[in-house]
PDB file of N, CA and C in Angstrom:
ATOM      1  N   MET A   1      43.092  10.665  40.841  1.00  0.00           N
ATOM      2  CA  MET A   1      44.445   9.690  40.464  1.00  0.00           C
ATOM      3  C   MET A   1      43.977   8.407  40.369  1.00  0.00           C
ATOM      4  N   ALA A   2      44.892   7.275  39.296  1.00  0.00           N
ATOM      5  CA  ALA A   2      44.691   5.963  39.695  1.00  0.00           C
ATOM      6  C   ALA A   2      44.929   4.869  40.264  1.00  0.00           C
ATOM      7  N   ASP A   3      43.867   4.088  41.068  1.00  0.00           N
ATOM      8  CA  ASP A   3      43.579   3.378  42.003  1.00  0.00           C
ATOM      9  C   ASP A   3      45.256   2.447  41.142  1.00  0.00           C
ATOM     10  N   GLU A   4      46.340   2.209  41.544  1.00  0.00           N
ATOM     11  CA  GLU A   4      46.905   0.900  40.636  1.00  0.00           C
ATOM     12  C   GLU A   4      46.628  -0.463  41.220  1.00  0.00           C
ATOM     13  N   THR A   5      46.320  -0.573  41.924  1.00  0.00           N
ATOM     14  CA  THR A   5      46.142  -1.952  42.896  1.00  0.00           C
ATOM     15  C   THR A   5      44.943  -3.057  42.513  1.00  0.00           C
ATOM     16  N   PRO A   6      45.249  -4.537  42.659  1.00  0.00           N
ATOM     17  CA  PRO A   6      44.119  -5.020  41.849  1.00  0.00           C
ATOM     18  C   PRO A   6      42.503  -5.174  42.358  1.00  0.00           C
ATOM     19  N   LEU A   7      42.460  -5.425  40.815  1.00  0.00           N
ATOM     20  CA  LEU A   7      40.336  -5.547  41.716  1.00  0.00           C
ATOM     21  C   LEU A   7      40.665  -7.180  42.098  1.00  0.00           C
ATOM     22  N   THR A   8      39.636  -7.551  43.423  1.00  0.00           N
ATOM     23  CA  THR A   8      39.406  -8.354  44.533  1.00  0.00           C
ATOM     24  C   THR A   8      38.866  -9.172  43.152  1.00  0.00           C
ATOM     25  N   ASP A   9      38.386 -10.196  44.118  1.00  0.00           N
ATOM     26  CA  ASP A   9      37.723 -11.001  43.398  1.00  0.00           C
ATOM     27  C   ASP A   9      35.942 -10.790  43.466  1.00  0.00           C
ATOM     28  N   GLU A  10      35.363  -9.899  44.323  1.00  0.00           N
ATOM     29  CA  GLU A  10      34.577  -9.256  44.523  1.00  0.00           C
ATOM     30  C   GLU A  10      34.516  -7.866  43.273  1.00  0.00           C
ATOM     31  N   GLU A  11      35.476  -7.395  43.755  1.00  0.00           N
ATOM     32  CA  GLU A  11      35.032  -6.735  42.240  1.00  0.00           C
ATOM     33  C   GLU A  11      35.155  -6.709  41.154  1.00  0.00           C
ATOM     34  N   ARG A  12      35.663  -7.926  40.555  1.00  0.00           N
ATOM     35  CA  ARG A  12      36.502  -8.609  39.557  1.00  0.00           C
ATOM     36  C   ARG A  12      34.563  -9.132  39.440  1.00  0.00           C
ATOM     37  N   ALA A  13      33.931  -9.757  40.398  1.00  0.00           N
ATOM     38  CA  ALA A  13      32.343 -10.683  39.778  1.00  0.00           C
ATOM     39  C   ALA A  13      31.819  -9.899  39.010  1.00  0.00           C
ATOM     40  N   GLU A  14      31.922  -8.625  39.997  1.00  0.00           N
ATOM     41  CA  GLU A  14      31.091  -6.947  39.879  1.00  0.00           C
ATOM     42  C   GLU A  14      30.792  -6.104  38.563  1.00  0.00           C
ATOM     43  N   LEU A  15      32.487  -6.445  37.681  1.00  0.00           N
ATOM     44  CA  LEU A  15      32.439  -6.053  36.680  1.00  0.00           C
ATOM     45  C   LEU A  15      32.236  -7.105  35.657  1.00  0.00           C
ATOM     46  N   GLU A  16      32.322  -7.858  36.063  1.00  0.00           N
ATOM     47  CA  GLU A  16      31.812  -9.078  34.913  1.00  0.00           C
ATOM     48  C   GLU A  16      30.517  -8.865  34.419  1.00  0.00           C
ATOM     49  N   GLN A  17      29.768  -8.979  35.818  1.00  0.00           N
ATOM     50  CA  GLN A  17      28.201  -8.900  36.402  1.00  0.00           C
ATOM     51  C   GLN A  17      27.908  -7.863  35.145  1.00  0.00           C
ATOM     52  N   LEU A  18      28.686  -6.126  35.234  1.00  0.00           N
ATOM     53  CA  LEU A  18      27.657  -4.980  34.904  1.00  0.00           C
ATOM     54  C   LEU A  18      28.231  -5.350  33.746  1.00  0.00           C
ATOM     55  N   ARG A  19      29.297  -6.118  33.270  1.00  0.00           N
ATOM     56  CA  ARG A  19      29.659  -5.879  31.641  1.00  0.00           C
ATOM     57  C   ARG A  19      28.392  -6.970  31.102  1.00  0.00           C
ATOM     58  N   ALA A  20      28.054  -8.216  31.789  1.00  0.00           N
ATOM     59  CA  ALA A  20      27.123  -8.769  30.917  1.00  0.00           C
ATOM     60  C   ALA A  20      25.887  -8.233  30.877  1.00  0.00           C
ATOM     61  N   GLU A  21      25.053  -7.359  32.043  1.00  0.00           N
ATOM     62  CA  GLU A  21      24.155  -6.986  31.476  1.00  0.00           C
ATOM     63  C   GLU A  21      23.953  -5.722  30.842  1.00  0.00           C
ATOM     64  N   LYS A  22      25.149  -4.937  30.623  1.00  0.00           N
ATOM     65  CA  LYS A  22      25.592  -4.404  29.449  1.00  0.00           C
ATOM     66  C   LYS A  22      25.214  -4.497  27.796  1.00  0.00           C
ATOM     67  N   ALA A  23      26.261  -5.474  27.641  1.00  0.00           N
ATOM     68  CA  ALA A  23      26.001  -6.917  26.635  1.00  0.00           C
ATOM     69  C   ALA A  23      24.286  -6.712  26.050  1.00  0.00           C
ATOM     70  N   ALA A  24      23.641  -7.413  27.782  1.00  0.00           N
ATOM     71  CA  ALA A  24      22.241  -7.984  27.183  1.00  0.00           C
ATOM     72  C   ALA A  24      21.396  -6.872  27.124  1.00  0.00           C
ATOM     73  N   ARG A  25      21.617  -5.336  27.690  1.00  0.00           N
ATOM     74  CA  ARG A  25      21.291  -4.302  26.802  1.00  0.00           C
ATOM     75  C   ARG A  25      20.956  -3.937  26.052  1.00  0.00           C
ATOM     76  N   ALA A  26      22.442  -4.205  24.957  1.00  0.00           N
ATOM     77  CA  ALA A  26      23.040  -3.214  23.863  1.00  0.00           C
ATOM     78  C   ALA A  26      21.779  -4.834  22.781  1.00  0.00           C
ATOM     79  N   LYS A  27      22.366  -6.106  23.145  1.00  0.00           N
ATOM     80  CA  LYS A  27      21.572  -6.974  22.678  1.00  0.00           C
ATOM     81  C   LYS A  27      19.925  -6.547  22.063  1.00  0.00           C
ATOM     82  N   ALA A  28      19.595  -6.416  23.493  1.00  0.00           N
ATOM     83  CA  ALA A  28      18.432  -6.535  23.585  1.00  0.00           C
ATOM     84  C   ALA A  28      17.684  -5.104  22.385  1.00  0.00           C
ATOM     85  N   GLN A  29      18.306  -3.955  22.731  1.00  0.00           N
ATOM     86  CA  GLN A  29      18.205  -2.800  21.552  1.00  0.00           C
ATOM     87  C   GLN A  29      18.453  -2.780  20.166  1.00  0.00           C
ATOM     88  N   ALA A  30      19.200  -3.894  20.115  1.00  0.00           N
ATOM     89  CA  ALA A  30      20.128  -4.653  18.873  1.00  0.00           C
ATOM     90  C   ALA A  30      18.511  -5.316  18.217  1.00  0.00           C
ATOM     91  N   GLU A  31      18.477  -6.171  19.014  1.00  0.00           N
ATOM     92  CA  GLU A  31      17.169  -6.844  18.453  1.00  0.00           C
ATOM     93  C   GLU A  31      15.884  -5.710  18.023  1.00  0.00           C
ATOM     94  N   ALA A  32      15.348  -4.884  18.933  1.00  0.00           N
ATOM     95  CA  ALA A  32      14.166  -4.381  18.680  1.00  0.00           C
ATOM     96  C   ALA A  32      14.171  -3.533  17.433  1.00  0.00           C
ATOM     97  N   ARG A  33      15.879  -3.181  17.789  1.00  0.00           N
ATOM     98  CA  ARG A  33      15.754  -2.127  16.259  1.00  0.00           C
ATOM     99  C   ARG A  33      15.192  -2.735  15.359  1.00  0.00           C
ATOM    100  N   GLU A  34      16.088  -4.065  15.313  1.00  0.00           N
ATOM    101  CA  GLU A  34      16.356  -5.404  13.679  1.00  0.00           C
ATOM    102  C   GLU A  34      14.503  -5.547  13.868  1.00  0.00           C
ATOM    103  N   ARG A  35      13.794  -5.481  14.114  1.00  0.00           N
ATOM    104  CA  ARG A  35      12.515  -5.713  14.769  1.00  0.00           C
ATOM    105  C   ARG A  35      11.984  -4.219  14.173  1.00  0.00           C
ATOM    106  N   ARG A  36      11.793  -3.295  14.429  1.00  0.00           N
ATOM    107  CA  ARG A  36      11.319  -2.161  14.138  1.00  0.00           C
ATOM    108  C   ARG A  36      11.468  -2.563  12.813  1.00  0.00           C
ATOM    109  N   GLU A  37      12.863  -2.895  12.339  1.00  0.00           N
ATOM    110  CA  GLU A  37      12.836  -2.066  10.884  1.00  0.00           C
ATOM    111  C   GLU A  37      12.397  -3.574   9.378  1.00  0.00           C
ATOM    112  N   LEU A  38      12.216  -4.485  10.391  1.00  0.00           N
ATOM    113  CA  LEU A  38      11.317  -5.723   9.911  1.00  0.00           C
ATOM    114  C   LEU A  38      10.106  -5.477   9.540  1.00  0.00           C
ATOM    115  N   GLU A  39       9.564  -4.267  10.934  1.00  0.00           N
ATOM    116  CA  GLU A  39       7.718  -4.028  10.598  1.00  0.00           C
ATOM    117  C   GLU A  39       7.570  -3.185   9.660  1.00  0.00           C
ATOM    118  N   ARG A  40       8.622  -2.514   9.790  1.00  0.00           N
ATOM    119  CA  ARG A  40       8.871  -0.789   8.671  1.00  0.00           C
ATOM    120  C   ARG A  40       8.506  -1.428   7.407  1.00  0.00           C
ATOM    121  N   LEU A  41       9.680  -2.688   6.893  1.00  0.00           N
ATOM    122  CA  LEU A  41       9.908  -2.779   5.609  1.00  0.00           C
ATOM    123  C   LEU A  41       8.496  -4.002   5.449  1.00  0.00           C
ATOM    124  N   LYS A  42       7.888  -4.622   6.599  1.00  0.00           N
ATOM    125  CA  LYS A  42       7.058  -5.417   5.439  1.00  0.00           C
ATOM    126  C   LYS A  42       5.391  -3.985   5.500  1.00  0.00           C
ATOM    127  N   GLU A  43       6.030  -3.169   6.474  1.00  0.00           N
ATOM    128  CA  GLU A  43       4.363  -2.291   5.878  1.00  0.00           C
ATOM    129  C   GLU A  43       4.887  -1.799   4.580  1.00  0.00           C
ATOM    130  N   ASP A  44       6.017  -1.349   3.802  1.00  0.00           N
ATOM    131  CA  ASP A  44       6.720  -0.782   2.692  1.00  0.00           C
ATOM    132  C   ASP A  44       5.679  -1.907   1.863  1.00  0.00           C
ATOM    133  N   LYS A  45       6.447  -2.506   1.986  1.00  0.00           N
ATOM    134  CA  LYS A  45       5.491  -4.116   0.590  1.00  0.00           C
ATOM    135  C   LYS A  45       4.469  -3.951   0.451  1.00  0.00           C
ATOM    136  N   GLN A  46       3.420  -4.079   1.266  1.00  0.00           N
ATOM    137  CA  GLN A  46       2.371  -4.166   1.177  1.00  0.00           C
ATOM    138  C   GLN A  46       1.932  -3.381   1.206  1.00  0.00           C
ATOM    139  N   ARG A  47       2.326  -1.962   1.327  1.00  0.00           N
ATOM    140  CA  ARG A  47       2.030  -0.369   0.564  1.00  0.00           C
ATOM    141  C   ARG A  47       1.708  -0.259  -0.958  1.00  0.00           C
ATOM    142  N   GLU A  48       3.001  -1.064  -1.136  1.00  0.00           N
ATOM    143  CA  GLU A  48       3.511  -1.186  -2.260  1.00  0.00           C
ATOM    144  C   GLU A  48       2.649  -1.974  -3.434  1.00  0.00           C
ATOM    145  N   GLU A  49       2.295  -3.419  -3.260  1.00  0.00           N
ATOM    146  CA  GLU A  49       1.700  -4.458  -3.310  1.00  0.00           C
ATOM    147  C   GLU A  49       0.233  -3.832  -3.150  1.00  0.00           C
ATOM    148  N   ALA A  50      -0.235  -3.277  -2.845  1.00  0.00           N
ATOM    149  CA  ALA A  50      -1.995  -2.320  -2.815  1.00  0.00           C
ATOM    150  C   ALA A  50      -2.026  -1.669  -4.037  1.00  0.00           C
ATOM    151  N   GLU A  51      -0.953  -1.111  -4.045  1.00  0.00           N
ATOM    152  CA  GLU A  51      -1.075  -0.071  -4.560  1.00  0.00           C
ATOM    153  C   GLU A  51      -0.815  -0.083  -5.857  1.00  0.00           C
ATOM    154  N   ALA A  52       0.093  -1.079  -6.151  1.00  0.00           N
ATOM    155  CA  ALA A  52       0.604  -2.207  -7.663  1.00  0.00           C
ATOM    156  C   ALA A  52      -0.677  -2.569  -7.798  1.00  0.00           C
ATOM    157  N   ALA A  53      -1.482  -3.181  -6.928  1.00  0.00           N
ATOM    158  CA  ALA A  53      -3.496  -4.006  -7.384  1.00  0.00           C
ATOM    159  C   ALA A  53      -3.973  -2.585  -7.697  1.00  0.00           C
ATOM    160  N   GLN A  54      -4.060  -1.669  -6.675  1.00  0.00           N
ATOM    161  CA  GLN A  54      -5.195  -0.499  -7.654  1.00  0.00           C
ATOM    162  C   GLN A  54      -4.599  -0.295  -8.349  1.00  0.00           C
ATOM    163  N   MET A  55      -3.247  -0.125  -9.139  1.00  0.00           N
ATOM    164  CA  MET A  55      -3.055   0.566 -10.821  1.00  0.00           C
ATOM    165  C   MET A  55      -3.382  -0.658 -11.256  1.00  0.00           C
ATOM    166  N   LEU A  56      -3.408  -1.622 -11.417  1.00  0.00           N
ATOM    167  CA  LEU A  56      -3.940  -2.878 -11.937  1.00  0.00           C
ATOM    168  C   LEU A  56      -5.648  -2.936 -12.191  1.00  0.00           C
ATOM    169  N   ARG A  57      -6.007  -2.184 -11.074  1.00  0.00           N
ATOM    170  CA  ARG A  57      -7.520  -2.873 -10.921  1.00  0.00           C
ATOM    171  C   ARG A  57      -7.929  -0.566 -12.659  1.00  0.00           C
ATOM    172  N   GLU A  58      -7.182   0.348 -11.755  1.00  0.00           N
ATOM    173  CA  GLU A  58      -7.734   1.457 -12.148  1.00  0.00           C
ATOM    174  C   GLU A  58      -7.550   1.214 -14.008  1.00  0.00           C
ATOM    175  N   ALA A  59      -6.224   0.343 -14.314  1.00  0.00           N
ATOM    176  CA  ALA A  59      -5.721   0.125 -15.859  1.00  0.00           C
ATOM    177  C   ALA A  59      -6.723  -0.582 -16.219  1.00  0.00           C
ATOM    178  N   GLN A  60      -7.452  -1.892 -15.476  1.00  0.00           N
ATOM    179  CA  GLN A  60      -8.333  -3.077 -16.290  1.00  0.00           C
ATOM    180  C   GLN A  60      -9.721  -1.421 -16.212  1.00  0.00           C
ATOM    181  N   MET A  61     -10.319  -1.538 -15.306  1.00  0.00           N
ATOM    182  CA  MET A  61     -11.180  -0.361 -15.939  1.00  0.00           C
ATOM    183  C   MET A  61     -11.204   0.444 -16.726  1.00  0.00           C
ATOM    184  N   ARG A  62     -10.182   1.470 -16.978  1.00  0.00           N
ATOM    185  CA  ARG A  62      -9.906   2.111 -18.453  1.00  0.00           C
ATOM    186  C   ARG A  62      -9.911   1.217 -18.936  1.00  0.00           C
ATOM    187  N   GLN A  63      -9.763  -0.319 -19.881  1.00  0.00           N
ATOM    188  CA  GLN A  63      -9.778  -0.643 -20.417  1.00  0.00           C
ATOM    189  C   GLN A  63     -11.190  -1.254 -20.662  1.00  0.00           C
ATOM    190  N   LYS A  64     -11.661  -1.921 -20.466  1.00  0.00           N
ATOM    191  CA  LYS A  64     -12.991  -1.760 -20.150  1.00  0.00           C
ATOM    192  C   LYS A  64     -14.050  -0.602 -20.639  1.00  0.00           C
ATOM    193  N   GLY A  65     -13.707   0.304 -20.087  1.00  0.00           N
ATOM    194  CA  GLY A  65     -14.405   1.619 -20.418  1.00  0.00           C
ATOM    195  C   GLY A  65     -14.093   2.180 -21.769  1.00  0.00           C
ATOM    196  N   ARG A  66     -12.846   1.867 -22.133  1.00  0.00           N
ATOM    197  CA  ARG A  66     -12.203   2.180 -24.099  1.00  0.00           C
ATOM    198  C   ARG A  66     -12.661   1.732 -24.569  1.00  0.00           C
ATOM    199  N   GLU A  67     -13.196  -0.037 -24.212  1.00  0.00           N
ATOM    200  CA  GLU A  67     -13.870  -1.193 -24.815  1.00  0.00           C
ATOM    201  C   GLU A  67     -15.312  -0.610 -25.359  1.00  0.00           C
ATOM    202  N   LEU A  68     -15.712  -0.430 -24.351  1.00  0.00           N
ATOM    203  CA  LEU A  68     -17.764  -0.198 -23.931  1.00  0.00           C
ATOM    204  C   LEU A  68     -17.630   1.193 -25.074  1.00  0.00           C
ATOM    205  N   MET A  69     -16.820   2.116 -24.598  1.00  0.00           N
ATOM    206  CA  MET A  69     -16.687   3.543 -25.206  1.00  0.00           C
ATOM    207  C   MET A  69     -16.715   3.798 -26.998  1.00  0.00           C
ATOM    208  N   GLU A  70     -15.255   2.863 -26.774  1.00  0.00           N
ATOM    209  CA  GLU A  70     -14.322   3.572 -28.373  1.00  0.00           C
ATOM    210  C   GLU A  70     -14.942   1.906 -29.533  1.00  0.00           C
ATOM    211  N   PRO A  71     -14.982   2.551 -31.090  1.00  0.00           N
ATOM    212  CA  PRO A  71     -15.683   1.953 -32.296  1.00  0.00           C
ATOM    213  C   PRO A  71     -14.648   0.514 -31.713  1.00  0.00           C
ATOM    214  N   ASP A  72     -14.495  -0.120 -32.514  1.00  0.00           N
ATOM    215  CA  ASP A  72     -13.828  -1.538 -32.871  1.00  0.00           C
ATOM    216  C   ASP A  72     -13.381  -1.431 -34.077  1.00  0.00           C
ATOM    217  N   ASP A  73     -12.878  -1.980 -34.682  1.00  0.00           N
ATOM    218  CA  ASP A  73     -11.845  -2.282 -36.065  1.00  0.00           C
ATOM    219  C   ASP A  73     -12.500  -1.908 -36.852  1.00  0.00           C
ATOM    220  N   ASP A  74     -13.764  -2.583 -37.129  1.00  0.00           N
ATOM    221  CA  ASP A  74     -14.469  -2.326 -37.958  1.00  0.00           C
ATOM    222  C   ASP A  74     -15.878  -0.985 -38.086  1.00  0.00           C
ATOM    223  N   LEU A  75     -15.593  -0.617 -37.187  1.00  0.00           N
ATOM    224  CA  LEU A  75     -15.913   0.894 -36.863  1.00  0.00           C
ATOM    225  C   LEU A  75     -17.537   0.247 -36.643  1.00  0.00           C
ATOM    226  N   LYS A  76     -17.565  -0.291 -35.883  1.00  0.00           N
ATOM    227  CA  LYS A  76     -19.126  -0.786 -34.933  1.00  0.00           C
ATOM    228  C   LYS A  76     -19.620   0.371 -34.261  1.00  0.00           C
ATOM    229  N   MET A  77     -21.048   0.221 -33.929  1.00  0.00           N
ATOM    230  CA  MET A  77     -21.390   1.566 -32.779  1.00  0.00           C
ATOM    231  C   MET A  77     -20.666   0.626 -31.710  1.00  0.00           C
ATOM    232  N   PRO A  78     -20.126   0.831 -31.209  1.00  0.00           N
ATOM    233  CA  PRO A  78     -20.019   0.264 -29.313  1.00  0.00           C
ATOM    234  C   PRO A  78     -21.255   0.540 -28.089  1.00  0.00           C
ATOM    235  N   LEU A  79     -21.449  -0.555 -27.852  1.00  0.00           N
ATOM    236  CA  LEU A  79     -22.634  -0.702 -26.836  1.00  0.00           C
ATOM    237  C   LEU A  79     -22.987   0.809 -26.097  1.00  0.00           C
ATOM    238  N   GLY A  80     -21.307   0.848 -25.643  1.00  0.00           N
ATOM    239  CA  GLY A  80     -22.221   1.877 -24.345  1.00  0.00           C
ATOM    240  C   GLY A  80     -22.888   3.519 -25.270  1.00  0.00           C
ATOM    241  N   GLN A  81     -22.061   3.663 -26.661  1.00  0.00           N
ATOM    242  CA  GLN A  81     -22.726   4.647 -27.536  1.00  0.00           C
ATOM    243  C   GLN A  81     -23.943   4.845 -27.951  1.00  0.00           C
ATOM    244  N   LYS A  82     -24.859   2.841 -28.395  1.00  0.00           N
ATOM    245  CA  LYS A  82     -25.961   2.358 -28.665  1.00  0.00           C
ATOM    246  C   LYS A  82     -26.938   3.009 -26.825  1.00  0.00           C
ATOM    247  N   ILE A  83     -26.146   2.766 -26.057  1.00  0.00           N
ATOM    248  CA  ILE A  83     -27.184   3.041 -24.847  1.00  0.00           C
ATOM    249  C   ILE A  83     -27.299   4.864 -24.818  1.00  0.00           C
ATOM    250  N   VAL A  84     -25.796   5.228 -24.703  1.00  0.00           N
ATOM    251  CA  VAL A  84     -25.826   7.000 -24.555  1.00  0.00           C
ATOM    252  C   VAL A  84     -27.488   7.001 -25.708  1.00  0.00           C
ATOM    253  N   LEU A  85     -27.265   6.629 -26.719  1.00  0.00           N
ATOM    254  CA  LEU A  85     -28.335   7.302 -28.152  1.00  0.00           C
ATOM    255  C   LEU A  85     -29.611   6.679 -27.921  1.00  0.00           C
ATOM    256  N   ALA A  86     -29.414   5.836 -27.261  1.00  0.00           N
ATOM    257  CA  ALA A  86     -31.150   5.339 -26.947  1.00  0.00           C
ATOM    258  C   ALA A  86     -31.882   6.171 -25.617  1.00  0.00           C
ATOM    259  N   ALA A  87     -31.288   5.609 -24.598  1.00  0.00           N
ATOM    260  CA  ALA A  87     -31.738   6.962 -23.206  1.00  0.00           C
ATOM    261  C   ALA A  87     -31.844   8.225 -23.748  1.00  0.00           C
ATOM    262  N   VAL A  88     -31.074   8.552 -24.702  1.00  0.00           N
ATOM    263  CA  VAL A  88     -31.361  10.238 -25.679  1.00  0.00           C
ATOM    264  C   VAL A  88     -33.070  10.819 -26.402  1.00  0.00           C
ATOM    265  N   ALA A  89     -32.600   9.474 -27.029  1.00  0.00           N
ATOM    266  CA  ALA A  89     -34.283   9.602 -27.858  1.00  0.00           C
ATOM    267  C   ALA A  89     -35.705   9.052 -27.146  1.00  0.00           C
ATOM    268  N   VAL A  90     -35.676   8.334 -25.392  1.00  0.00           N
ATOM    269  CA  VAL A  90     -36.325   8.376 -24.585  1.00  0.00           C
ATOM    270  C   VAL A  90     -36.392   9.680 -24.581  1.00  0.00           C
ATOM    271  N   ILE A  91     -35.530  10.403 -24.288  1.00  0.00           N
ATOM    272  CA  ILE A  91     -36.615  11.352 -23.436  1.00  0.00           C
ATOM    273  C   ILE A  91     -36.926  12.213 -24.167  1.00  0.00           C
ATOM    274  N   ALA A  92     -36.334  12.274 -25.843  1.00  0.00           N
ATOM    275  CA  ALA A  92     -36.739  13.049 -26.381  1.00  0.00           C
ATOM    276  C   ALA A  92     -37.849  12.371 -26.672  1.00  0.00           C
ATOM    277  N   ILE A  93     -38.554  11.826 -26.993  1.00  0.00           N
ATOM    278  CA  ILE A  93     -40.353  11.117 -27.177  1.00  0.00           C
ATOM    279  C   ILE A  93     -40.666  11.637 -25.947  1.00  0.00           C
ATOM    280  N   VAL A  94     -40.383  11.484 -24.529  1.00  0.00           N
ATOM    281  CA  VAL A  94     -41.428  11.757 -23.194  1.00  0.00           C
ATOM    282  C   VAL A  94     -41.311  13.289 -23.757  1.00  0.00           C
ATOM    283  N   VAL A  95     -40.521  14.408 -24.277  1.00  0.00           N
ATOM    284  CA  VAL A  95     -40.558  15.464 -24.103  1.00  0.00           C
ATOM    285  C   VAL A  95     -41.873  15.907 -25.101  1.00  0.00           C
ATOM    286  N   LEU A  96     -41.254  15.327 -26.039  1.00  0.00           N
ATOM    287  CA  LEU A  96     -42.331  15.731 -27.080  1.00  0.00           C
ATOM    288  C   LEU A  96     -43.850  15.083 -26.476  1.00  0.00           C
ATOM    289  N   ALA A  97     -43.972  14.037 -26.209  1.00  0.00           N
ATOM    290  CA  ALA A  97     -45.365  13.776 -26.120  1.00  0.00           C
ATOM    291  C   ALA A  97     -45.425  14.194 -24.826  1.00  0.00           C
ATOM    292  N   SER A  98     -45.136  14.518 -24.140  1.00  0.00           N
ATOM    293  CA  SER A  98     -45.645  15.783 -22.900  1.00  0.00           C
ATOM    294  C   SER A  98     -46.221  16.965 -23.676  1.00  0.00           C
ATOM    295  N   ALA A  99     -45.154  17.325 -24.366  1.00  0.00           N
ATOM    296  CA  ALA A  99     -45.711  19.047 -24.663  1.00  0.00           C
ATOM    297  C   ALA A  99     -46.782  18.786 -25.566  1.00  0.00           C
ATOM    298  N   LEU A 100     -46.713  17.498 -26.783  1.00  0.00           N
ATOM    299  CA  LEU A 100     -47.873  17.385 -27.335  1.00  0.00           C
ATOM    300  C   LEU A 100     -49.649  16.939 -26.750  1.00  0.00           C
ATOM    301  N   LEU A 101     -49.200  16.752 -25.448  1.00  0.00           N
ATOM    302  CA  LEU A 101     -50.417  16.062 -24.610  1.00  0.00           C
ATOM    303  C   LEU A 101     -50.921  16.749 -23.646  1.00  0.00           C
TER     304      LEU A 101
END
């Protein structure tokens, strides 16, 4: 059964205090939720930037590797192939020299 008597001044003050405490808790929870969301968004952004930077570095390395190993427009032998052929020639000379001596 509901009590139909009006609130006393003390009860009204207590009610207002409890409402204020509840509102303060709700506000603190909302701020904490927003803070967590902000941190998560910052982490996502940093991760995306790091991934983009890594992809750029990989693309640059692939391009540099292509330039080193693929012939250019006038079909000159690229530097990478010259180095590999020179290394193979040196190894062949060493093997032949060791076999003959």
